[in-house]
Amino acid sequence: QLSAADLVVLNKTDLVGAAAVERVTALVREELPPSVK
């Protein structure tokens, strides 16, 4: 689902802290080309 993405929305970020958002951002970034926001 990430490999087909043109845009990734990290949803429910209000339910976690900033550190968790950073971890998930790094996780999805591993599957995405730099052009995908």
PDB file of all heavy atoms in Angstrom:
ATOM      1  N   GLN A   1       0.830  -1.201   0.000  1.00  0.00           N
ATOM      2  CA  GLN A   1       0.000   0.000   0.000  1.00  0.00           C
ATOM      3  C   GLN A   1       0.869   1.257   0.000  1.00  0.00           C
ATOM      4  O   GLN A   1       0.501   2.279  -0.577  1.00  0.00           O
ATOM      5  CB  GLN A   1      -0.946  -0.016   1.196  1.00  0.00           C
ATOM      6  CG  GLN A   1      -2.045  -1.076   1.060  1.00  0.00           C
ATOM      7  CD  GLN A   1      -2.925  -1.199   2.286  1.00  0.00           C
ATOM      8  OE1 GLN A   1      -2.554  -0.743   3.367  1.00  0.00           O
ATOM      9  NE2 GLN A   1      -4.081  -1.818   2.138  1.00  0.00           N
ATOM     10  N   LEU A   2       2.034   1.179   0.618  1.00  0.00           N
ATOM     11  CA  LEU A   2       2.960   2.313   0.588  1.00  0.00           C
ATOM     12  C   LEU A   2       3.648   2.439  -0.769  1.00  0.00           C
ATOM     13  O   LEU A   2       3.886   3.552  -1.249  1.00  0.00           O
ATOM     14  CB  LEU A   2       4.019   2.161   1.687  1.00  0.00           C
ATOM     15  CG  LEU A   2       3.563   2.416   3.119  1.00  0.00           C
ATOM     16  CD1 LEU A   2       4.677   2.061   4.104  1.00  0.00           C
ATOM     17  CD2 LEU A   2       3.140   3.873   3.312  1.00  0.00           C
ATOM     18  N   SER A   3       3.950   1.304  -1.393  1.00  0.00           N
ATOM     19  CA  SER A   3       4.701   1.357  -2.651  1.00  0.00           C
ATOM     20  C   SER A   3       3.923   2.054  -3.758  1.00  0.00           C
ATOM     21  O   SER A   3       4.514   2.585  -4.696  1.00  0.00           O
ATOM     22  CB  SER A   3       5.080  -0.064  -3.098  1.00  0.00           C
ATOM     23  OG  SER A   3       3.940  -0.784  -3.544  1.00  0.00           O
ATOM     24  N   ALA A   4       2.598   2.060  -3.660  1.00  0.00           N
ATOM     25  CA  ALA A   4       1.774   2.707  -4.687  1.00  0.00           C
ATOM     26  C   ALA A   4       1.484   4.169  -4.374  1.00  0.00           C
ATOM     27  O   ALA A   4       0.876   4.866  -5.189  1.00  0.00           O
ATOM     28  CB  ALA A   4       0.457   1.952  -4.843  1.00  0.00           C
ATOM     29  N   ALA A   5       1.928   4.645  -3.223  1.00  0.00           N
ATOM     30  CA  ALA A   5       1.498   5.962  -2.738  1.00  0.00           C
ATOM     31  C   ALA A   5       2.145   7.115  -3.491  1.00  0.00           C
ATOM     32  O   ALA A   5       3.328   7.087  -3.833  1.00  0.00           O
ATOM     33  CB  ALA A   5       1.809   6.088  -1.248  1.00  0.00           C
ATOM     34  N   ASP A   6       1.348   8.153  -3.727  1.00  0.00           N
ATOM     35  CA  ASP A   6       1.851   9.451  -4.165  1.00  0.00           C
ATOM     36  C   ASP A   6       1.870  10.425  -2.997  1.00  0.00           C
ATOM     37  O   ASP A   6       2.555  11.436  -3.025  1.00  0.00           O
ATOM     38  CB  ASP A   6       0.959  10.016  -5.272  1.00  0.00           C
ATOM     39  CG  ASP A   6       0.945   9.133  -6.502  1.00  0.00           C
ATOM     40  OD1 ASP A   6       2.014   8.907  -7.083  1.00  0.00           O
ATOM     41  OD2 ASP A   6      -0.143   8.645  -6.873  1.00  0.00           O
ATOM     42  N   LEU A   7       1.074  10.116  -1.979  1.00  0.00           N
ATOM     43  CA  LEU A   7       1.012  10.910  -0.754  1.00  0.00           C
ATOM     44  C   LEU A   7       0.695   9.958   0.387  1.00  0.00           C
ATOM     45  O   LEU A   7      -0.189   9.111   0.258  1.00  0.00           O
ATOM     46  CB  LEU A   7      -0.076  11.979  -0.857  1.00  0.00           C
ATOM     47  CG  LEU A   7      -0.363  12.807   0.407  1.00  0.00           C
ATOM     48  CD1 LEU A   7       0.797  13.757   0.685  1.00  0.00           C
ATOM     49  CD2 LEU A   7      -1.674  13.588   0.269  1.00  0.00           C
ATOM     50  N   VAL A   8       1.407  10.091   1.498  1.00  0.00           N
ATOM     51  CA  VAL A   8       1.149   9.264   2.679  1.00  0.00           C
ATOM     52  C   VAL A   8       0.629  10.168   3.796  1.00  0.00           C
ATOM     53  O   VAL A   8       1.244  11.186   4.117  1.00  0.00           O
ATOM     54  CB  VAL A   8       2.414   8.518   3.144  1.00  0.00           C
ATOM     55  CG1 VAL A   8       2.155   7.779   4.460  1.00  0.00           C
ATOM     56  CG2 VAL A   8       2.872   7.528   2.074  1.00  0.00           C
ATOM     57  N   VAL A   9      -0.509   9.777   4.352  1.00  0.00           N
ATOM     58  CA  VAL A   9      -1.104  10.511   5.459  1.00  0.00           C
ATOM     59  C   VAL A   9      -0.903   9.707   6.737  1.00  0.00           C
ATOM     60  O   VAL A   9      -1.443   8.606   6.882  1.00  0.00           O
ATOM     61  CB  VAL A   9      -2.610  10.763   5.231  1.00  0.00           C
ATOM     62  CG1 VAL A   9      -3.220  11.437   6.456  1.00  0.00           C
ATOM     63  CG2 VAL A   9      -2.828  11.596   3.982  1.00  0.00           C
ATOM     64  N   LEU A  10      -0.094  10.230   7.642  1.00  0.00           N
ATOM     65  CA  LEU A  10       0.046   9.607   8.965  1.00  0.00           C
ATOM     66  C   LEU A  10      -1.134  10.085   9.803  1.00  0.00           C
ATOM     67  O   LEU A  10      -1.142  11.224  10.282  1.00  0.00           O
ATOM     68  CB  LEU A  10       1.364   9.995   9.624  1.00  0.00           C
ATOM     69  CG  LEU A  10       2.650   9.629   8.888  1.00  0.00           C
ATOM     70  CD1 LEU A  10       3.859   9.938   9.769  1.00  0.00           C
ATOM     71  CD2 LEU A  10       2.661   8.167   8.474  1.00  0.00           C
ATOM     72  N   ASN A  11      -2.125   9.223   9.948  1.00  0.00           N
ATOM     73  CA  ASN A  11      -3.354   9.604  10.623  1.00  0.00           C
ATOM     74  C   ASN A  11      -3.277   9.280  12.118  1.00  0.00           C
ATOM     75  O   ASN A  11      -2.434   8.501  12.559  1.00  0.00           O
ATOM     76  CB  ASN A  11      -4.533   8.875   9.979  1.00  0.00           C
ATOM     77  CG  ASN A  11      -5.857   9.534  10.278  1.00  0.00           C
ATOM     78  OD1 ASN A  11      -5.928  10.734  10.554  1.00  0.00           O
ATOM     79  ND2 ASN A  11      -6.921   8.758  10.253  1.00  0.00           N
ATOM     80  N   LYS A  12      -4.155   9.886  12.885  1.00  0.00           N
ATOM     81  CA  LYS A  12      -4.271   9.653  14.331  1.00  0.00           C
ATOM     82  C   LYS A  12      -3.013  10.071  15.088  1.00  0.00           C
ATOM     83  O   LYS A  12      -2.681   9.498  16.133  1.00  0.00           O
ATOM     84  CB  LYS A  12      -4.598   8.191  14.626  1.00  0.00           C
ATOM     85  CG  LYS A  12      -5.804   7.655  13.862  1.00  0.00           C
ATOM     86  CD  LYS A  12      -6.074   6.195  14.177  1.00  0.00           C
ATOM     87  CE  LYS A  12      -7.196   5.642  13.311  1.00  0.00           C
ATOM     88  NZ  LYS A  12      -7.449   4.219  13.557  1.00  0.00           N
ATOM     89  N   THR A  13      -2.304  11.065  14.565  1.00  0.00           N
ATOM     90  CA  THR A  13      -1.081  11.506  15.250  1.00  0.00           C
ATOM     91  C   THR A  13      -1.396  12.174  16.580  1.00  0.00           C
ATOM     92  O   THR A  13      -0.499  12.333  17.422  1.00  0.00           O
ATOM     93  CB  THR A  13      -0.282  12.481  14.364  1.00  0.00           C
ATOM     94  OG1 THR A  13      -1.144  13.550  13.947  1.00  0.00           O
ATOM     95  CG2 THR A  13       0.268  11.772  13.133  1.00  0.00           C
ATOM     96  N   ASP A  14      -2.668  12.546  16.784  1.00  0.00           N
ATOM     97  CA  ASP A  14      -3.054  13.136  18.063  1.00  0.00           C
ATOM     98  C   ASP A  14      -3.086  12.100  19.183  1.00  0.00           C
ATOM     99  O   ASP A  14      -3.173  12.464  20.362  1.00  0.00           O
ATOM    100  CB  ASP A  14      -4.426  13.803  17.940  1.00  0.00           C
ATOM    101  CG  ASP A  14      -5.495  12.855  17.416  1.00  0.00           C
ATOM    102  OD1 ASP A  14      -5.209  12.078  16.476  1.00  0.00           O
ATOM    103  OD2 ASP A  14      -6.634  12.878  17.940  1.00  0.00           O
ATOM    104  N   LEU A  15      -3.014  10.809  18.816  1.00  0.00           N
ATOM    105  CA  LEU A  15      -3.079   9.745  19.819  1.00  0.00           C
ATOM    106  C   LEU A  15      -1.697   9.279  20.279  1.00  0.00           C
ATOM    107  O   LEU A  15      -1.603   8.408  21.144  1.00  0.00           O
ATOM    108  CB  LEU A  15      -3.857   8.547  19.255  1.00  0.00           C
ATOM    109  CG  LEU A  15      -5.288   8.839  18.784  1.00  0.00           C
ATOM    110  CD1 LEU A  15      -5.939   7.567  18.272  1.00  0.00           C
ATOM    111  CD2 LEU A  15      -6.119   9.453  19.915  1.00  0.00           C
ATOM    112  N   VAL A  16      -0.636   9.842  19.715  1.00  0.00           N
ATOM    113  CA  VAL A  16       0.727   9.446  20.086  1.00  0.00           C
ATOM    114  C   VAL A  16       1.580  10.693  20.289  1.00  0.00           C
ATOM    115  O   VAL A  16       1.177  11.798  19.940  1.00  0.00           O
ATOM    116  CB  VAL A  16       1.375   8.541  19.005  1.00  0.00           C
ATOM    117  CG1 VAL A  16       0.607   7.244  18.849  1.00  0.00           C
ATOM    118  CG2 VAL A  16       1.454   9.271  17.670  1.00  0.00           C
ATOM    119  N   GLY A  17       2.772  10.486  20.842  1.00  0.00           N
ATOM    120  CA  GLY A  17       3.691  11.597  21.058  1.00  0.00           C
ATOM    121  C   GLY A  17       4.570  11.873  19.856  1.00  0.00           C
ATOM    122  O   GLY A  17       4.557  11.145  18.859  1.00  0.00           O
ATOM    123  N   ALA A  18       5.358  12.923  19.957  1.00  0.00           N
ATOM    124  CA  ALA A  18       6.223  13.346  18.851  1.00  0.00           C
ATOM    125  C   ALA A  18       7.238  12.264  18.492  1.00  0.00           C
ATOM    126  O   ALA A  18       7.563  12.074  17.307  1.00  0.00           O
ATOM    127  CB  ALA A  18       6.942  14.646  19.227  1.00  0.00           C
ATOM    128  N   ALA A  19       7.755  11.551  19.501  1.00  0.00           N
ATOM    129  CA  ALA A  19       8.749  10.510  19.225  1.00  0.00           C
ATOM    130  C   ALA A  19       8.153   9.396  18.380  1.00  0.00           C
ATOM    131  O   ALA A  19       8.806   8.865  17.465  1.00  0.00           O
ATOM    132  CB  ALA A  19       9.294   9.951  20.534  1.00  0.00           C
ATOM    133  N   ALA A  20       6.907   9.030  18.660  1.00  0.00           N
ATOM    134  CA  ALA A  20       6.241   7.984  17.884  1.00  0.00           C
ATOM    135  C   ALA A  20       6.027   8.428  16.445  1.00  0.00           C
ATOM    136  O   ALA A  20       6.209   7.646  15.509  1.00  0.00           O
ATOM    137  CB  ALA A  20       4.910   7.616  18.528  1.00  0.00           C
ATOM    138  N   VAL A  21       5.659   9.683  16.266  1.00  0.00           N
ATOM    139  CA  VAL A  21       5.468  10.202  14.905  1.00  0.00           C
ATOM    140  C   VAL A  21       6.784  10.142  14.135  1.00  0.00           C
ATOM    141  O   VAL A  21       6.814   9.775  12.954  1.00  0.00           O
ATOM    142  CB  VAL A  21       4.923  11.640  14.947  1.00  0.00           C
ATOM    143  CG1 VAL A  21       4.891  12.241  13.543  1.00  0.00           C
ATOM    144  CG2 VAL A  21       3.529  11.669  15.558  1.00  0.00           C
ATOM    145  N   GLU A  22       7.866  10.473  14.800  1.00  0.00           N
ATOM    146  CA  GLU A  22       9.182  10.404  14.148  1.00  0.00           C
ATOM    147  C   GLU A  22       9.526   8.975  13.758  1.00  0.00           C
ATOM    148  O   GLU A  22      10.047   8.723  12.660  1.00  0.00           O
ATOM    149  CB  GLU A  22      10.259  10.967  15.076  1.00  0.00           C
ATOM    150  CG  GLU A  22      10.199  12.475  15.243  1.00  0.00           C
ATOM    151  CD  GLU A  22      11.342  12.987  16.109  1.00  0.00           C
ATOM    152  OE1 GLU A  22      12.293  12.197  16.358  1.00  0.00           O
ATOM    153  OE2 GLU A  22      11.286  14.144  16.539  1.00  0.00           O
ATOM    154  N   ARG A  23       9.234   8.024  14.636  1.00  0.00           N
ATOM    155  CA  ARG A  23       9.540   6.618  14.332  1.00  0.00           C
ATOM    156  C   ARG A  23       8.728   6.130  13.134  1.00  0.00           C
ATOM    157  O   ARG A  23       9.256   5.448  12.249  1.00  0.00           O
ATOM    158  CB  ARG A  23       9.257   5.740  15.551  1.00  0.00           C
ATOM    159  CG  ARG A  23      10.248   5.892  16.692  1.00  0.00           C
ATOM    160  CD  ARG A  23      10.069   4.809  17.748  1.00  0.00           C
ATOM    161  NE  ARG A  23       8.783   4.919  18.447  1.00  0.00           N
ATOM    162  CZ  ARG A  23       8.614   5.615  19.575  1.00  0.00           C
ATOM    163  NH1 ARG A  23       9.621   6.272  20.115  1.00  0.00           N
ATOM    164  NH2 ARG A  23       7.430   5.641  20.171  1.00  0.00           N
ATOM    165  N   VAL A  24       7.442   6.454  13.105  1.00  0.00           N
ATOM    166  CA  VAL A  24       6.599   5.991  12.005  1.00  0.00           C
ATOM    167  C   VAL A  24       6.989   6.690  10.704  1.00  0.00           C
ATOM    168  O   VAL A  24       6.989   6.075   9.630  1.00  0.00           O
ATOM    169  CB  VAL A  24       5.108   6.217  12.330  1.00  0.00           C
ATOM    170  CG1 VAL A  24       4.235   5.845  11.145  1.00  0.00           C
ATOM    171  CG2 VAL A  24       4.720   5.397  13.552  1.00  0.00           C
ATOM    172  N   THR A  25       7.333   7.962  10.790  1.00  0.00           N
ATOM    173  CA  THR A  25       7.801   8.667   9.592  1.00  0.00           C
ATOM    174  C   THR A  25       9.034   7.976   9.014  1.00  0.00           C
ATOM    175  O   THR A  25       9.129   7.754   7.800  1.00  0.00           O
ATOM    176  CB  THR A  25       8.128  10.135   9.926  1.00  0.00           C
ATOM    177  OG1 THR A  25       6.957  10.777  10.437  1.00  0.00           O
ATOM    178  CG2 THR A  25       8.605  10.877   8.693  1.00  0.00           C
ATOM    179  N   ALA A  26       9.968   7.620   9.873  1.00  0.00           N
ATOM    180  CA  ALA A  26      11.172   6.924   9.409  1.00  0.00           C
ATOM    181  C   ALA A  26      10.819   5.559   8.829  1.00  0.00           C
ATOM    182  O   ALA A  26      11.401   5.128   7.823  1.00  0.00           O
ATOM    183  CB  ALA A  26      12.162   6.773  10.569  1.00  0.00           C
ATOM    184  N   LEU A  27       9.850   4.882   9.445  1.00  0.00           N
ATOM    185  CA  LEU A  27       9.428   3.563   8.972  1.00  0.00           C
ATOM    186  C   LEU A  27       8.860   3.636   7.558  1.00  0.00           C
ATOM    187  O   LEU A  27       9.255   2.856   6.686  1.00  0.00           O
ATOM    188  CB  LEU A  27       8.376   3.002   9.931  1.00  0.00           C
ATOM    189  CG  LEU A  27       7.726   1.678   9.527  1.00  0.00           C
ATOM    190  CD1 LEU A  27       8.713   0.537   9.658  1.00  0.00           C
ATOM    191  CD2 LEU A  27       6.489   1.416  10.388  1.00  0.00           C
ATOM    192  N   VAL A  28       7.946   4.561   7.328  1.00  0.00           N
ATOM    193  CA  VAL A  28       7.332   4.633   5.998  1.00  0.00           C
ATOM    194  C   VAL A  28       8.304   5.199   4.974  1.00  0.00           C
ATOM    195  O   VAL A  28       8.244   4.839   3.785  1.00  0.00           O
ATOM    196  CB  VAL A  28       6.020   5.455   6.026  1.00  0.00           C
ATOM    197  CG1 VAL A  28       5.020   4.827   6.977  1.00  0.00           C
ATOM    198  CG2 VAL A  28       6.255   6.904   6.376  1.00  0.00           C
ATOM    199  N   ARG A  29       9.202   6.065   5.411  1.00  0.00           N
ATOM    200  CA  ARG A  29      10.181   6.638   4.487  1.00  0.00           C
ATOM    201  C   ARG A  29      11.056   5.546   3.847  1.00  0.00           C
ATOM    202  O   ARG A  29      11.508   5.693   2.701  1.00  0.00           O
ATOM    203  CB  ARG A  29      11.072   7.648   5.211  1.00  0.00           C
ATOM    204  CG  ARG A  29      10.524   9.053   5.175  1.00  0.00           C
ATOM    205  CD  ARG A  29      10.826   9.702   3.838  1.00  0.00           C
ATOM    206  NE  ARG A  29       9.992  10.877   3.599  1.00  0.00           N
ATOM    207  CZ  ARG A  29       9.399  11.147   2.457  1.00  0.00           C
ATOM    208  NH1 ARG A  29       9.482  10.298   1.447  1.00  0.00           N
ATOM    209  NH2 ARG A  29       8.705  12.232   2.284  1.00  0.00           N
ATOM    210  N   GLU A  30      11.274   4.462   4.562  1.00  0.00           N
ATOM    211  CA  GLU A  30      12.081   3.360   4.020  1.00  0.00           C
ATOM    212  C   GLU A  30      11.429   2.744   2.789  1.00  0.00           C
ATOM    213  O   GLU A  30      12.106   2.139   1.963  1.00  0.00           O
ATOM    214  CB  GLU A  30      12.274   2.276   5.081  1.00  0.00           C
ATOM    215  CG  GLU A  30      13.119   2.711   6.266  1.00  0.00           C
ATOM    216  CD  GLU A  30      13.222   1.612   7.312  1.00  0.00           C
ATOM    217  OE1 GLU A  30      12.673   0.511   7.060  1.00  0.00           O
ATOM    218  OE2 GLU A  30      13.837   1.855   8.365  1.00  0.00           O
ATOM    219  N   GLU A  31      10.103   2.888   2.662  1.00  0.00           N
ATOM    220  CA  GLU A  31       9.372   2.278   1.556  1.00  0.00           C
ATOM    221  C   GLU A  31       9.048   3.269   0.444  1.00  0.00           C
ATOM    222  O   GLU A  31       8.433   2.888  -0.556  1.00  0.00           O
ATOM    223  CB  GLU A  31       8.048   1.680   2.077  1.00  0.00           C
ATOM    224  CG  GLU A  31       8.191   0.746   3.257  1.00  0.00           C
ATOM    225  CD  GLU A  31       8.991  -0.502   2.931  1.00  0.00           C
ATOM    226  OE1 GLU A  31       8.967  -0.919   1.753  1.00  0.00           O
ATOM    227  OE2 GLU A  31       9.637  -1.045   3.847  1.00  0.00           O
ATOM    228  N   LEU A  32       9.468   4.518   0.585  1.00  0.00           N
ATOM    229  CA  LEU A  32       9.035   5.563  -0.334  1.00  0.00           C
ATOM    230  C   LEU A  32      10.202   6.238  -1.038  1.00  0.00           C
ATOM    231  O   LEU A  32      11.273   6.419  -0.450  1.00  0.00           O
ATOM    232  CB  LEU A  32       8.257   6.645   0.433  1.00  0.00           C
ATOM    233  CG  LEU A  32       7.015   6.222   1.217  1.00  0.00           C
ATOM    234  CD1 LEU A  32       6.525   7.397   2.057  1.00  0.00           C
ATOM    235  CD2 LEU A  32       5.938   5.738   0.271  1.00  0.00           C
ATOM    236  N   PRO A  33      10.002   6.650  -2.290  1.00  0.00           N
ATOM    237  CA  PRO A  33      10.999   7.517  -2.932  1.00  0.00           C
ATOM    238  C   PRO A  33      10.920   8.909  -2.334  1.00  0.00           C
ATOM    239  O   PRO A  33       9.895   9.301  -1.758  1.00  0.00           O
ATOM    240  CB  PRO A  33      10.562   7.520  -4.403  1.00  0.00           C
ATOM    241  CG  PRO A  33       9.118   7.181  -4.381  1.00  0.00           C
ATOM    242  CD  PRO A  33       8.912   6.275  -3.204  1.00  0.00           C
ATOM    243  N   PRO A  34      11.991   9.692  -2.445  1.00  0.00           N
ATOM    244  CA  PRO A  34      12.010  11.025  -1.824  1.00  0.00           C
ATOM    245  C   PRO A  34      10.902  11.949  -2.316  1.00  0.00           C
ATOM    246  O   PRO A  34      10.497  12.868  -1.601  1.00  0.00           O
ATOM    247  CB  PRO A  34      13.387  11.569  -2.227  1.00  0.00           C
ATOM    248  CG  PRO A  34      14.212  10.352  -2.516  1.00  0.00           C
ATOM    249  CD  PRO A  34      13.277   9.340  -3.078  1.00  0.00           C
ATOM    250  N   SER A  35      10.388  11.712  -3.508  1.00  0.00           N
ATOM    251  CA  SER A  35       9.378  12.610  -4.075  1.00  0.00           C
ATOM    252  C   SER A  35       8.009  12.480  -3.416  1.00  0.00           C
ATOM    253  O   SER A  35       7.161  13.359  -3.587  1.00  0.00           O
ATOM    254  CB  SER A  35       9.226  12.342  -5.575  1.00  0.00           C
ATOM    255  OG  SER A  35       8.838  10.991  -5.806  1.00  0.00           O
ATOM    256  N   VAL A  36       7.781  11.401  -2.674  1.00  0.00           N
ATOM    257  CA  VAL A  36       6.480  11.188  -2.041  1.00  0.00           C
ATOM    258  C   VAL A  36       6.443  11.918  -0.699  1.00  0.00           C
ATOM    259  O   VAL A  36       7.266  11.669   0.179  1.00  0.00           O
ATOM    260  CB  VAL A  36       6.196   9.682  -1.838  1.00  0.00           C
ATOM    261  CG1 VAL A  36       4.881   9.482  -1.090  1.00  0.00           C
ATOM    262  CG2 VAL A  36       6.147   8.978  -3.185  1.00  0.00           C
ATOM    263  N   LYS A  37       5.483  12.791  -0.575  1.00  0.00           N
ATOM    264  CA  LYS A  37       5.362  13.596   0.644  1.00  0.00           C
ATOM    265  C   LYS A  37       4.650  12.797   1.734  1.00  0.00           C
ATOM    266  O   LYS A  37       3.717  12.039   1.462  1.00  0.00           O
ATOM    267  CB  LYS A  37       4.601  14.886   0.359  1.00  0.00           C
ATOM    268  CG  LYS A  37       4.462  15.825   1.558  1.00  0.00           C
ATOM    269  CD  LYS A  37       3.683  17.076   1.227  1.00  0.00           C
ATOM    270  CE  LYS A  37       4.441  17.975   0.289  1.00  0.00           C
ATOM    271  NZ  LYS A  37       3.746  19.284   0.111  1.00  0.00           N
TER     272      LYS A  37
END
